[in-house]
Amino acid sequence: MAIRTHTITVDATGANGAAIGTSISSQPVNGVVRGIHITYGTSPNANTVVTLRDRGTGSTIVAVTGNTAGWFYPLAEAHDNAGAGITGEYVAPVIDDLATVGVATANAGTITVKLLVETS
């Protein structure tokens, strides 16, 4: 197994507290998401929402609200063979397309997301 790093930078534009932005990875992201690191520009809004999605399915991998830079380790609820959720069981999410990072309710500036993906 190998870990690949993908960096996606979003330039949020607009009024402080209402700035938005979206950016798409420059290459496909394929594998198990092991972690993401978010770095905020200067004076980030406390209500900034950063969302990582699989562009192909539109599935949300993780949505983080706040302004504290750091690592996040997303998990998704596991499902049984019939597709029903298994309460209390979680797995790392899988992505198999371009990754989209969206930013909302931010202050104008740059937000960088580093995505760590385990590949086979």
C-alpha atoms as a PDB file:
ATOM      1  CA  MET A   1       0.000   0.000   0.000  1.00  0.00           C
ATOM      2  CA  ALA A   2       1.154   3.505  -0.784  1.00  0.00           C
ATOM      3  CA  ILE A   3      -0.024   6.907   0.396  1.00  0.00           C
ATOM      4  CA  ARG A   4      -0.476   9.575  -2.263  1.00  0.00           C
ATOM      5  CA  THR A   5      -0.804  13.261  -1.473  1.00  0.00           C
ATOM      6  CA  HIS A   6      -3.083  15.589  -3.427  1.00  0.00           C
ATOM      7  CA  THR A   7      -3.089  19.330  -2.716  1.00  0.00           C
ATOM      8  CA  ILE A   8      -6.089  21.453  -3.666  1.00  0.00           C
ATOM      9  CA  THR A   9      -6.053  25.222  -3.215  1.00  0.00           C
ATOM     10  CA  VAL A  10      -9.242  27.288  -3.142  1.00  0.00           C
ATOM     11  CA  ASP A  11      -9.356  31.067  -3.520  1.00  0.00           C
ATOM     12  CA  ALA A  12     -12.452  32.271  -1.655  1.00  0.00           C
ATOM     13  CA  THR A  13     -13.786  35.540  -3.015  1.00  0.00           C
ATOM     14  CA  GLY A  14     -16.473  37.889  -1.789  1.00  0.00           C
ATOM     15  CA  ALA A  15     -17.268  39.818   1.335  1.00  0.00           C
ATOM     16  CA  ASN A  16     -15.770  38.667   4.624  1.00  0.00           C
ATOM     17  CA  GLY A  17     -18.097  36.113   6.213  1.00  0.00           C
ATOM     18  CA  ALA A  18     -19.723  35.409   2.848  1.00  0.00           C
ATOM     19  CA  ALA A  19     -16.796  34.534   0.584  1.00  0.00           C
ATOM     20  CA  ILE A  20     -17.080  31.344  -1.459  1.00  0.00           C
ATOM     21  CA  GLY A  21     -14.905  29.291  -3.778  1.00  0.00           C
ATOM     22  CA  THR A  22     -14.504  25.899  -5.415  1.00  0.00           C
ATOM     23  CA  SER A  23     -11.527  24.058  -6.816  1.00  0.00           C
ATOM     24  CA  ILE A  24     -11.091  20.651  -8.445  1.00  0.00           C
ATOM     25  CA  SER A  25      -8.064  18.371  -8.189  1.00  0.00           C
ATOM     26  CA  SER A  26      -5.729  18.490 -11.172  1.00  0.00           C
ATOM     27  CA  GLN A  27      -5.764  14.700 -11.483  1.00  0.00           C
ATOM     28  CA  PRO A  28      -8.080  11.848 -10.453  1.00  0.00           C
ATOM     29  CA  VAL A  29      -7.965  10.787  -6.810  1.00  0.00           C
ATOM     30  CA  ASN A  30      -8.317   7.026  -6.392  1.00  0.00           C
ATOM     31  CA  GLY A  31      -8.223   5.159  -3.101  1.00  0.00           C
ATOM     32  CA  VAL A  32      -9.132   5.207   0.563  1.00  0.00           C
ATOM     33  CA  VAL A  33      -9.145   8.650   2.181  1.00  0.00           C
ATOM     34  CA  ARG A  34      -6.902   8.437   5.252  1.00  0.00           C
ATOM     35  CA  GLY A  35      -6.759  12.096   6.223  1.00  0.00           C
ATOM     36  CA  ILE A  36      -7.044  15.697   5.146  1.00  0.00           C
ATOM     37  CA  HIS A  37      -5.152  18.727   6.370  1.00  0.00           C
ATOM     38  CA  ILE A  38      -6.748  22.152   6.087  1.00  0.00           C
ATOM     39  CA  THR A  39      -4.691  25.347   6.147  1.00  0.00           C
ATOM     40  CA  TYR A  40      -6.539  28.660   6.293  1.00  0.00           C
ATOM     41  CA  GLY A  41      -5.268  31.998   4.994  1.00  0.00           C
ATOM     42  CA  THR A  42      -5.003  35.068   7.183  1.00  0.00           C
ATOM     43  CA  SER A  43      -7.941  36.006   9.425  1.00  0.00           C
ATOM     44  CA  PRO A  44     -10.227  33.035   8.699  1.00  0.00           C
ATOM     45  CA  ASN A  45     -13.893  33.287   9.666  1.00  0.00           C
ATOM     46  CA  ALA A  46     -14.903  31.037  12.594  1.00  0.00           C
ATOM     47  CA  ASN A  47     -17.888  29.772  10.539  1.00  0.00           C
ATOM     48  CA  THR A  48     -15.922  28.795   7.427  1.00  0.00           C
ATOM     49  CA  VAL A  49     -17.224  25.558   5.891  1.00  0.00           C
ATOM     50  CA  VAL A  50     -14.774  23.417   3.884  1.00  0.00           C
ATOM     51  CA  THR A  51     -16.346  20.490   2.021  1.00  0.00           C
ATOM     52  CA  LEU A  52     -14.513  17.684   0.195  1.00  0.00           C
ATOM     53  CA  ARG A  53     -16.590  15.798  -2.386  1.00  0.00           C
ATOM     54  CA  ASP A  54     -16.158  13.066  -4.972  1.00  0.00           C
ATOM     55  CA  ARG A  55     -16.872  14.953  -8.211  1.00  0.00           C
ATOM     56  CA  GLY A  56     -18.317  11.913  -9.987  1.00  0.00           C
ATOM     57  CA  THR A  57     -20.892  10.887  -7.387  1.00  0.00           C
ATOM     58  CA  GLY A  58     -21.219  14.206  -5.576  1.00  0.00           C
ATOM     59  CA  SER A  59     -20.789  12.276  -2.316  1.00  0.00           C
ATOM     60  CA  THR A  60     -19.509  14.332   0.582  1.00  0.00           C
ATOM     61  CA  ILE A  61     -16.331  12.838   2.033  1.00  0.00           C
ATOM     62  CA  VAL A  62     -16.064  15.379   4.856  1.00  0.00           C
ATOM     63  CA  ALA A  63     -17.420  18.805   5.786  1.00  0.00           C
ATOM     64  CA  VAL A  64     -15.534  20.841   8.387  1.00  0.00           C
ATOM     65  CA  THR A  65     -16.820  24.038  10.004  1.00  0.00           C
ATOM     66  CA  GLY A  66     -14.374  26.297  11.800  1.00  0.00           C
ATOM     67  CA  ASN A  67     -11.108  28.120  11.322  1.00  0.00           C
ATOM     68  CA  THR A  68      -8.510  25.998  13.088  1.00  0.00           C
ATOM     69  CA  ALA A  69      -5.910  24.502  10.785  1.00  0.00           C
ATOM     70  CA  GLY A  70      -5.209  20.832  11.325  1.00  0.00           C
ATOM     71  CA  TRP A  71      -5.698  17.203  10.406  1.00  0.00           C
ATOM     72  CA  PHE A  72      -9.105  15.556  10.034  1.00  0.00           C
ATOM     73  CA  TYR A  73      -9.741  11.824   9.601  1.00  0.00           C
ATOM     74  CA  PRO A  74     -13.132  11.244   7.956  1.00  0.00           C
ATOM     75  CA  LEU A  75     -15.138   8.076   8.505  1.00  0.00           C
ATOM     76  CA  ALA A  76     -18.356   6.851   6.896  1.00  0.00           C
ATOM     77  CA  GLU A  77     -20.973   4.542   8.358  1.00  0.00           C
ATOM     78  CA  ALA A  78     -20.444   0.929   7.274  1.00  0.00           C
ATOM     79  CA  HIS A  79     -23.255  -0.947   5.496  1.00  0.00           C
ATOM     80  CA  ASP A  80     -24.278  -4.593   5.420  1.00  0.00           C
ATOM     81  CA  ASN A  81     -24.778  -6.643   2.226  1.00  0.00           C
ATOM     82  CA  ALA A  82     -28.368  -5.401   1.946  1.00  0.00           C
ATOM     83  CA  GLY A  83     -27.240  -1.767   2.057  1.00  0.00           C
ATOM     84  CA  ALA A  84     -28.491  -1.029   5.564  1.00  0.00           C
ATOM     85  CA  GLY A  85     -26.300   1.067   7.828  1.00  0.00           C
ATOM     86  CA  ILE A  86     -24.520  -0.755  10.641  1.00  0.00           C
ATOM     87  CA  THR A  87     -24.909   1.322  13.789  1.00  0.00           C
ATOM     88  CA  GLY A  88     -21.600   2.148  15.428  1.00  0.00           C
ATOM     89  CA  GLU A  89     -19.443   0.684  12.638  1.00  0.00           C
ATOM     90  CA  TYR A  90     -17.343   3.058  10.534  1.00  0.00           C
ATOM     91  CA  VAL A  91     -14.896   2.772   7.642  1.00  0.00           C
ATOM     92  CA  ALA A  92     -12.628   5.188   5.807  1.00  0.00           C
ATOM     93  CA  PRO A  93     -14.395   6.591   2.711  1.00  0.00           C
ATOM     94  CA  VAL A  94     -13.299   5.747  -0.824  1.00  0.00           C
ATOM     95  CA  ILE A  95     -12.901   8.229  -3.671  1.00  0.00           C
ATOM     96  CA  ASP A  96     -12.524   7.315  -7.352  1.00  0.00           C
ATOM     97  CA  ASP A  97     -12.747  10.511  -9.399  1.00  0.00           C
ATOM     98  CA  LEU A  98     -11.623  14.095  -9.319  1.00  0.00           C
ATOM     99  CA  ALA A  99     -11.928  15.653  -5.861  1.00  0.00           C
ATOM    100  CA  THR A 100     -13.831  18.902  -5.382  1.00  0.00           C
ATOM    101  CA  VAL A 101     -13.199  21.270  -2.475  1.00  0.00           C
ATOM    102  CA  GLY A 102     -15.833  23.893  -1.766  1.00  0.00           C
ATOM    103  CA  VAL A 103     -15.544  26.785   0.666  1.00  0.00           C
ATOM    104  CA  ALA A 104     -18.467  28.807   2.033  1.00  0.00           C
ATOM    105  CA  THR A 105     -19.111  31.503   4.668  1.00  0.00           C
ATOM    106  CA  ALA A 106     -15.399  32.302   4.601  1.00  0.00           C
ATOM    107  CA  ASN A 107     -13.395  35.478   4.636  1.00  0.00           C
ATOM    108  CA  ALA A 108     -11.723  36.311   1.336  1.00  0.00           C
ATOM    109  CA  GLY A 109      -8.442  34.436   0.997  1.00  0.00           C
ATOM    110  CA  THR A 110      -6.788  31.138   0.201  1.00  0.00           C
ATOM    111  CA  ILE A 111      -7.549  27.785   1.826  1.00  0.00           C
ATOM    112  CA  THR A 112      -5.361  24.766   1.098  1.00  0.00           C
ATOM    113  CA  VAL A 113      -6.485  21.161   1.526  1.00  0.00           C
ATOM    114  CA  LYS A 114      -3.938  18.338   1.536  1.00  0.00           C
ATOM    115  CA  LEU A 115      -5.590  14.974   0.917  1.00  0.00           C
ATOM    116  CA  LEU A 116      -3.879  11.706   1.905  1.00  0.00           C
ATOM    117  CA  VAL A 117      -5.164   8.711  -0.054  1.00  0.00           C
ATOM    118  CA  GLU A 118      -4.100   5.079   0.364  1.00  0.00           C
ATOM    119  CA  THR A 119      -3.713   3.267  -2.948  1.00  0.00           C
ATOM    120  CA  SER A 120      -2.974  -0.341  -3.754  1.00  0.00           C
END
